[in-house]
Amino acid sequence: MTLQHASLFERVLGLVVIALLIAACLLIVSPFVGAILWAAILVVATWPLYARLQRRLGDKRKLAVTLMTAGLALVLIGPIAVLTGSLTEHVGSATHLVQDLASLRLPENPPEWLRKIPLAGGRIETQWHEAAADMQGAVAKVRPYIQTAAAWLLSQGGRLGLALLEFLLAVAISALFYSAGEEMAVWVRRFARRIGGPESLPALEMATQTIRGVFLGVVGTAAIQALLSGFGFWLADVPGVVLLSFFCFFTAMLQMGTGLIWIPVAAWLFYQDQHGWAIFTVAWGMFINLIDNFIKPYLISQGSGLPLALIFLGVIGGMLGWGVIGIFLGPTLLATGFTLLKTWLEQGEPA
């Protein structure tokens, strides 16, 4: 073997060893990728708050890390645990609701306002008369939908359980990221500079701003949905409006929708013979879930400074591709690509 061939063989062997090492490292950390990504998103989004808290505490890093970690655990883990436990009760209530509906007796005629609902009033009146004449038959028609809703609640409970485990790990990793945040930022900048040169640093800064903008957009949208949901519950005179609104905020923030809350509330209202308010709660809840698709991209675009169309594509496409975490990854990746493309095009312009 010539010296040139030996040198080529050593280079190829070195590349193979590096590739195997990278593959082995990825295999080791693959079970924790979701938690690591969530931890990184949470730390990047809340880093200004952490830095302000550390200054207020006289630069006591350990105390600031402890307080931030405890705050994340309180906001993320506590509500998930409570919601996971309460979903079993909701499923049981749905089962009892089907049994109780069979013995329900409706008045012969529906309320006057119900008949005056545009487009749907006539159909509702017809269905009302059929249910008043034959409640058993009406319940038989409704039973599959209630069973579907119960199955949906159980599936959401399973998602909440998995989210609880992932966020437990994410909060623990967040503590490590807070502790070594400055050093990790230096390493990330060095890596970006080696991969893409100095031109990659603006893209890295844009990615950071986008993560914070998405976080504020998600939290802001959830707050709006919670306030609107609470207003609807208040109008319907539902007890525990504040607690229900908080749960709506949390489920909206996790992109599970406020239906986890208003569907059981509507079932309770119907069970309490408040049929009109039950129908209102369903219609109001569907409206609140619908506006999520428009408010969130708008708020994110205001926080990140990116075009609204780009944010809208990133949020919707990311969520369809990767679930909840895709809401952060989609706009961030598009923002990075957009910034790199813009920088590359500007370099080609004559001075």
Protein backbone atom coordinates (compact mmCIF):
# COMPACT_ATOMS: atom_id res chain seq x y z
CA MET A 1 0.00 0.00 0.00
CA THR A 2 1.44 3.36 -1.01
CA LEU A 3 1.78 6.28 1.38
CA GLN A 4 -1.03 8.14 -0.42
CA HIS A 5 -3.38 5.15 -0.12
CA ALA A 6 -2.52 4.73 3.56
CA SER A 7 -3.28 8.38 4.25
CA LEU A 8 -6.64 8.09 2.44
CA PHE A 9 -7.47 4.93 4.40
CA GLU A 10 -6.71 6.66 7.71
CA ARG A 11 -8.93 9.62 6.80
CA VAL A 12 -11.83 7.37 5.81
CA LEU A 13 -11.36 5.30 8.96
CA GLY A 14 -11.33 8.46 11.04
CA LEU A 15 -14.57 9.68 9.44
CA VAL A 16 -16.22 6.29 10.04
CA VAL A 17 -15.18 6.32 13.69
CA ILE A 18 -16.51 9.88 14.13
CA ALA A 19 -19.79 8.94 12.42
CA LEU A 20 -20.20 5.89 14.65
CA LEU A 21 -19.43 8.00 17.73
CA ILE A 22 -22.04 10.61 16.74
CA ALA A 23 -24.61 7.87 16.02
CA ALA A 24 -23.92 6.24 19.40
CA CYS A 25 -24.28 9.59 21.22
CA LEU A 26 -27.56 10.30 19.43
CA LEU A 27 -28.82 6.84 20.31
CA ILE A 28 -27.99 7.41 23.98
CA VAL A 29 -29.74 10.78 24.23
CA SER A 30 -32.67 9.94 21.91
CA PRO A 31 -35.06 9.04 24.79
CA PHE A 32 -34.42 12.48 26.28
CA VAL A 33 -34.59 14.62 23.12
CA GLY A 34 -38.12 15.83 23.84
CA ALA A 35 -37.31 16.82 27.42
CA ILE A 36 -34.03 18.48 26.36
CA LEU A 37 -35.81 20.52 23.68
CA TRP A 38 -38.51 21.59 26.14
CA ALA A 39 -35.87 22.53 28.71
CA ALA A 40 -33.95 24.56 26.14
CA ILE A 41 -37.13 26.36 25.02
CA LEU A 42 -38.18 27.12 28.59
CA VAL A 43 -34.74 28.40 29.58
CA VAL A 44 -34.27 30.55 26.46
CA ALA A 45 -37.79 32.00 26.82
CA THR A 46 -37.44 32.77 30.54
CA TRP A 47 -33.75 33.70 30.63
CA PRO A 48 -34.41 37.48 30.92
CA LEU A 49 -36.63 36.77 33.94
CA TYR A 50 -33.95 34.52 35.44
CA ALA A 51 -31.24 37.15 34.91
CA ARG A 52 -33.42 39.83 36.53
CA LEU A 53 -34.17 37.54 39.47
CA GLN A 54 -30.49 36.73 39.95
CA ARG A 55 -29.63 40.43 40.08
CA ARG A 56 -32.40 41.07 42.61
CA LEU A 57 -30.99 38.29 44.80
CA GLY A 58 -27.51 39.76 44.81
CA ASP A 59 -26.13 37.41 42.12
CA LYS A 60 -26.89 34.31 44.19
CA ARG A 61 -27.01 31.87 41.29
CA LYS A 62 -28.00 28.75 43.21
CA LEU A 63 -30.93 30.49 44.90
CA ALA A 64 -32.10 31.96 41.58
CA VAL A 65 -31.87 28.55 39.89
CA THR A 66 -33.81 26.95 42.73
CA LEU A 67 -36.58 29.56 42.59
CA MET A 68 -36.89 29.40 38.78
CA THR A 69 -36.97 25.61 38.80
CA ALA A 70 -39.58 25.58 41.57
CA GLY A 71 -41.64 28.11 39.62
CA LEU A 72 -41.53 25.99 36.45
CA ALA A 73 -42.51 22.91 38.45
CA LEU A 74 -45.42 24.75 40.06
CA VAL A 75 -46.73 26.16 36.78
CA LEU A 76 -46.23 23.07 34.61
CA ILE A 77 -46.32 19.95 36.77
CA GLY A 78 -48.96 20.85 39.37
CA PRO A 79 -51.85 21.53 36.96
CA ILE A 80 -51.02 18.47 34.84
CA ALA A 81 -51.20 16.22 37.89
CA VAL A 82 -54.55 17.71 38.97
CA LEU A 83 -56.05 17.50 35.47
CA THR A 84 -54.89 13.92 34.97
CA GLY A 85 -56.62 12.84 38.16
CA SER A 86 -59.83 14.76 37.43
CA LEU A 87 -60.29 13.30 33.93
CA THR A 88 -61.27 9.93 35.41
CA GLU A 89 -64.09 11.64 37.28
CA HIS A 90 -65.23 13.37 34.08
CA VAL A 91 -65.39 10.05 32.23
CA GLY A 92 -67.45 8.56 35.06
CA SER A 93 -69.78 11.56 34.95
CA ALA A 94 -70.29 11.05 31.22
CA THR A 95 -71.28 7.42 31.84
CA HIS A 96 -73.81 8.42 34.50
CA LEU A 97 -75.10 11.15 32.21
CA VAL A 98 -76.16 8.60 29.59
CA GLN A 99 -78.07 6.63 32.22
CA ASP A 100 -79.79 9.71 33.65
CA LEU A 101 -80.79 11.08 30.25
CA ALA A 102 -83.08 8.10 29.67
CA SER A 103 -85.25 9.15 32.63
CA LEU A 104 -85.25 12.84 31.67
CA ARG A 105 -88.58 14.38 30.64
CA LEU A 106 -88.48 17.44 28.42
CA PRO A 107 -91.30 19.99 28.16
CA GLU A 108 -93.45 19.54 25.08
CA ASN A 109 -92.21 22.76 23.47
CA PRO A 110 -88.66 24.20 23.51
CA PRO A 111 -87.94 27.71 24.82
CA GLU A 112 -88.93 30.51 22.47
CA TRP A 113 -85.38 31.82 22.11
CA LEU A 114 -84.15 28.39 21.05
CA ARG A 115 -86.61 28.30 18.19
CA LYS A 116 -85.44 31.71 16.99
CA ILE A 117 -81.82 30.68 16.48
CA PRO A 118 -80.95 31.53 12.85
CA LEU A 119 -80.64 28.56 10.47
CA ALA A 120 -80.63 25.92 13.23
CA GLY A 121 -83.80 26.91 15.12
CA GLY A 122 -86.20 24.78 13.08
CA ARG A 123 -84.02 21.69 13.25
CA ILE A 124 -83.52 22.11 17.00
CA GLU A 125 -87.27 22.38 17.50
CA THR A 126 -87.84 19.18 15.52
CA GLN A 127 -85.23 17.30 17.51
CA TRP A 128 -86.73 18.66 20.74
CA HIS A 129 -90.20 17.34 19.86
CA GLU A 130 -88.74 13.92 18.97
CA ALA A 131 -86.86 13.75 22.27
CA ALA A 132 -89.94 14.83 24.24
CA ALA A 133 -91.99 12.05 22.61
CA ASP A 134 -89.33 9.31 22.78
CA MET A 135 -86.45 10.03 25.13
CA GLN A 136 -85.15 6.46 24.90
CA GLY A 137 -84.73 6.79 21.14
CA ALA A 138 -83.12 10.21 21.46
CA VAL A 139 -80.65 8.88 24.03
CA ALA A 140 -79.79 5.98 21.73
CA LYS A 141 -78.84 8.52 19.05
CA VAL A 142 -76.76 10.58 21.45
CA ARG A 143 -75.02 7.65 23.20
CA PRO A 144 -72.33 7.08 20.49
CA TYR A 145 -71.31 10.75 20.67
CA ILE A 146 -71.05 10.69 24.46
CA GLN A 147 -69.03 7.48 24.31
CA THR A 148 -66.76 9.09 21.73
CA ALA A 149 -66.33 12.11 24.02
CA ALA A 150 -65.50 9.81 26.94
CA ALA A 151 -62.91 7.97 24.85
CA TRP A 152 -61.46 11.32 23.81
CA LEU A 153 -61.19 12.38 27.45
CA LEU A 154 -59.37 9.15 28.28
CA SER A 155 -56.93 9.65 25.40
CA GLN A 156 -56.27 13.20 26.56
CA GLY A 157 -55.65 11.82 30.04
CA GLY A 158 -53.01 9.52 28.57
CA ARG A 159 -51.41 12.49 26.79
CA LEU A 160 -51.40 14.44 30.03
CA GLY A 161 -49.71 11.54 31.82
CA LEU A 162 -46.94 11.42 29.22
CA ALA A 163 -46.64 15.20 29.32
CA LEU A 164 -46.29 15.02 33.11
CA LEU A 165 -43.32 12.64 32.84
CA GLU A 166 -41.68 14.68 30.08
CA PHE A 167 -42.08 17.97 31.93
CA LEU A 168 -40.72 16.44 35.14
CA LEU A 169 -37.54 15.60 33.26
CA ALA A 170 -37.57 18.93 31.41
CA VAL A 171 -37.74 20.88 34.68
CA ALA A 172 -34.79 18.92 36.06
CA ILE A 173 -32.75 19.59 32.90
CA SER A 174 -33.77 23.26 33.03
CA ALA A 175 -32.00 23.58 36.37
CA LEU A 176 -28.77 22.42 34.71
CA PHE A 177 -29.26 24.82 31.80
CA TYR A 178 -29.88 27.77 34.14
CA SER A 179 -26.71 26.91 36.08
CA ALA A 180 -24.49 26.77 32.99
CA GLY A 181 -26.42 29.13 30.72
CA GLU A 182 -23.61 31.58 29.91
CA GLU A 183 -21.09 28.84 29.15
CA MET A 184 -23.59 26.99 26.95
CA ALA A 185 -24.37 30.20 25.04
CA VAL A 186 -20.66 30.62 24.28
CA TRP A 187 -20.43 27.05 23.01
CA VAL A 188 -23.51 27.50 20.82
CA ARG A 189 -22.09 30.69 19.27
CA ARG A 190 -18.76 28.95 18.61
CA PHE A 191 -20.54 26.02 16.99
CA ALA A 192 -22.66 28.32 14.83
CA ARG A 193 -19.58 30.30 13.78
CA ARG A 194 -17.67 27.16 12.82
CA ILE A 195 -20.59 25.77 10.84
CA GLY A 196 -21.88 28.91 9.11
CA GLY A 197 -19.26 31.57 9.72
CA PRO A 198 -19.89 34.99 11.26
CA GLU A 199 -23.00 35.36 9.08
CA SER A 200 -24.76 32.67 11.14
CA LEU A 201 -24.78 34.75 14.34
CA PRO A 202 -27.70 37.00 13.24
CA ALA A 203 -29.69 33.85 12.47
CA LEU A 204 -28.90 32.53 15.95
CA GLU A 205 -30.09 35.79 17.49
CA MET A 206 -33.26 35.67 15.39
CA ALA A 207 -33.90 32.09 16.56
CA THR A 208 -33.60 33.25 20.18
CA GLN A 209 -36.01 36.14 19.61
CA THR A 210 -38.44 33.83 17.83
CA ILE A 211 -38.47 31.32 20.70
CA ARG A 212 -39.26 34.13 23.13
CA GLY A 213 -41.87 35.56 20.77
CA VAL A 214 -43.53 32.16 20.37
CA PHE A 215 -43.50 31.63 24.13
CA LEU A 216 -45.15 35.00 24.73
CA GLY A 217 -47.63 34.32 21.91
CA VAL A 218 -48.59 30.94 23.32
CA VAL A 219 -48.97 32.31 26.85
CA GLY A 220 -50.82 35.40 25.62
CA THR A 221 -53.24 33.37 23.51
CA ALA A 222 -53.88 30.99 26.39
CA ALA A 223 -54.59 33.96 28.67
CA ILE A 224 -57.11 35.38 26.19
CA GLN A 225 -58.81 32.01 25.83
CA ALA A 226 -58.93 31.60 29.60
CA LEU A 227 -60.49 35.04 30.08
CA LEU A 228 -63.11 34.38 27.39
CA SER A 229 -63.85 30.95 28.85
CA GLY A 230 -64.18 32.41 32.32
CA PHE A 231 -66.56 35.06 31.00
CA GLY A 232 -68.74 32.34 29.46
CA PHE A 233 -68.72 30.32 32.69
CA TRP A 234 -69.65 33.46 34.63
CA LEU A 235 -72.58 34.16 32.33
CA ALA A 236 -73.79 30.57 32.77
CA ASP A 237 -73.42 30.92 36.56
CA VAL A 238 -71.05 27.95 36.77
CA PRO A 239 -69.39 27.55 40.20
CA GLY A 240 -65.60 27.73 40.47
CA VAL A 241 -65.10 30.17 37.58
CA VAL A 242 -61.57 31.15 38.64
CA LEU A 243 -60.34 27.56 38.94
CA LEU A 244 -61.98 26.54 35.66
CA SER A 245 -60.44 29.55 33.91
CA PHE A 246 -57.01 28.57 35.22
CA PHE A 247 -57.43 25.05 33.86
CA CYS A 248 -58.54 26.52 30.53
CA PHE A 249 -55.36 28.62 30.48
CA PHE A 250 -53.22 25.58 31.16
CA THR A 251 -54.84 23.27 28.59
CA ALA A 252 -54.74 26.06 25.99
CA MET A 253 -51.04 26.61 26.72
CA LEU A 254 -50.40 22.90 26.16
CA GLN A 255 -52.36 23.12 22.87
CA MET A 256 -54.91 20.55 24.08
CA GLY A 257 -57.73 23.04 23.71
CA THR A 258 -60.19 24.31 26.28
CA GLY A 259 -62.59 21.50 25.36
CA LEU A 260 -61.14 19.44 28.19
CA ILE A 261 -62.85 21.92 30.50
CA TRP A 262 -65.97 23.22 28.75
CA ILE A 263 -67.21 19.80 27.54
CA PRO A 264 -67.64 18.50 31.14
CA VAL A 265 -69.08 21.91 32.13
CA ALA A 266 -71.63 21.73 29.32
CA ALA A 267 -72.54 18.16 30.34
CA TRP A 268 -72.99 19.34 33.95
CA LEU A 269 -75.22 22.22 32.83
CA PHE A 270 -77.34 19.86 30.75
CA TYR A 271 -77.58 17.51 33.69
CA GLN A 272 -78.77 20.44 35.83
CA ASP A 273 -81.60 21.06 33.32
CA GLN A 274 -79.93 24.24 32.06
CA HIS A 275 -80.12 23.17 28.44
CA GLY A 276 -79.85 26.65 26.96
CA TRP A 277 -76.68 27.46 28.86
CA ALA A 278 -75.27 24.05 27.96
CA ILE A 279 -75.74 24.81 24.26
CA PHE A 280 -74.26 28.29 24.78
CA THR A 281 -71.21 26.78 26.52
CA VAL A 282 -70.59 24.41 23.62
CA ALA A 283 -70.96 27.15 20.99
CA TRP A 284 -68.82 29.60 22.99
CA GLY A 285 -66.13 26.98 23.58
CA MET A 286 -65.94 26.11 19.87
CA PHE A 287 -65.61 29.80 19.02
CA ILE A 288 -62.78 30.21 21.56
CA ASN A 289 -60.90 27.22 20.15
CA LEU A 290 -61.36 28.59 16.61
CA ILE A 291 -59.82 32.01 17.28
CA ASP A 292 -56.67 30.30 18.58
CA ASN A 293 -55.54 29.77 14.97
CA PHE A 294 -55.57 33.51 14.30
CA ILE A 295 -54.58 35.16 17.58
CA LYS A 296 -51.48 33.05 18.23
CA PRO A 297 -49.66 33.73 14.91
CA TYR A 298 -50.47 37.44 15.21
CA LEU A 299 -49.06 37.73 18.74
CA ILE A 300 -45.98 35.69 17.81
CA SER A 301 -45.28 37.89 14.77
CA GLN A 302 -45.47 41.00 17.00
CA GLY A 303 -42.99 39.51 19.46
CA SER A 304 -40.50 38.15 16.92
CA GLY A 305 -40.67 40.84 14.24
CA LEU A 306 -41.15 38.27 11.46
CA PRO A 307 -43.79 38.41 8.71
CA LEU A 308 -47.20 37.15 9.84
CA ALA A 309 -47.46 34.69 6.93
CA LEU A 310 -44.11 33.09 7.88
CA ILE A 311 -45.17 32.73 11.52
CA PHE A 312 -48.55 31.31 10.54
CA LEU A 313 -46.93 28.65 8.34
CA GLY A 314 -44.38 27.85 11.06
CA VAL A 315 -46.97 27.49 13.84
CA ILE A 316 -49.48 25.41 11.87
CA GLY A 317 -46.91 23.34 9.98
CA GLY A 318 -44.78 22.74 13.05
CA MET A 319 -47.77 21.64 15.12
CA LEU A 320 -48.92 19.25 12.38
CA GLY A 321 -45.43 17.83 12.00
CA TRP A 322 -44.19 17.60 15.59
CA GLY A 323 -47.12 18.24 17.90
CA VAL A 324 -46.99 20.83 20.69
CA ILE A 325 -43.24 21.34 20.56
CA GLY A 326 -43.57 22.01 16.82
CA ILE A 327 -45.25 25.32 17.67
CA PHE A 328 -41.81 26.45 18.85
CA LEU A 329 -39.66 24.53 16.38
CA GLY A 330 -41.64 25.48 13.24
CA PRO A 331 -41.35 29.28 13.50
CA THR A 332 -37.81 29.05 14.88
CA LEU A 333 -36.55 26.96 11.96
CA LEU A 334 -38.33 29.15 9.42
CA ALA A 335 -36.93 32.27 11.10
CA THR A 336 -33.41 30.84 10.98
CA GLY A 337 -33.75 29.88 7.33
CA PHE A 338 -35.31 33.25 6.47
CA THR A 339 -32.48 35.15 8.18
CA LEU A 340 -29.77 33.08 6.50
CA LEU A 341 -31.42 33.52 3.10
CA LYS A 342 -31.78 37.26 3.64
CA THR A 343 -28.11 37.57 4.68
CA TRP A 344 -26.97 35.54 1.67
CA LEU A 345 -29.01 37.67 -0.74
CA GLU A 346 -27.76 40.91 0.80
CA GLN A 347 -24.16 39.73 0.38
CA GLY A 348 -24.74 39.38 -3.35
CA GLU A 349 -25.95 42.99 -3.70
CA PRO A 350 -23.44 45.53 -5.02
CA ALA A 351 -22.10 47.94 -2.43
